[in-house]
Amino acid sequence: MEPKIQLDPMTETALRSLHDIAVPPHVSWLPQTWGWAALAVLLGIAVLVFIMFQGFGDPARMIVGQTGDKKTLDNIRKDLYLDQPKWKQFFFYLNDINFAKNYTKKCT
């Protein structure tokens, strides 16, 4: 048998009143819809930025500049996965902009 937690009367009354609040049916679908819409917008922005960076030339050439040799270019392309197909590059890009992963690394 689990021990029962004793709450002060004020907290118990507040919890009962929160439990009795009814959510109107037209409000319950809003957070779900907004969540999916926000996810779609974020994905659209990610696709747009990826296309913009890929469309303005070779990113490895932009990093090296005009003075880089072929071996340096090849090494940069390999390090940044620019030698992979575009669909793979996009998934690597999505992995790199994963905000939750980056945020949790900073917090720990």
Foldseek 3Di string as FASTA:
>chain_A
DDDDDDDDPVVVVVVVVVVPDDDDPVPVCVVVVVVVVVVVVVVVVLVVVLCVVVVPDDPLCVVVDPPDDPVSSVVVCVVLVVVPDPVVSSVVSVVVPPVVVVVVVVVD
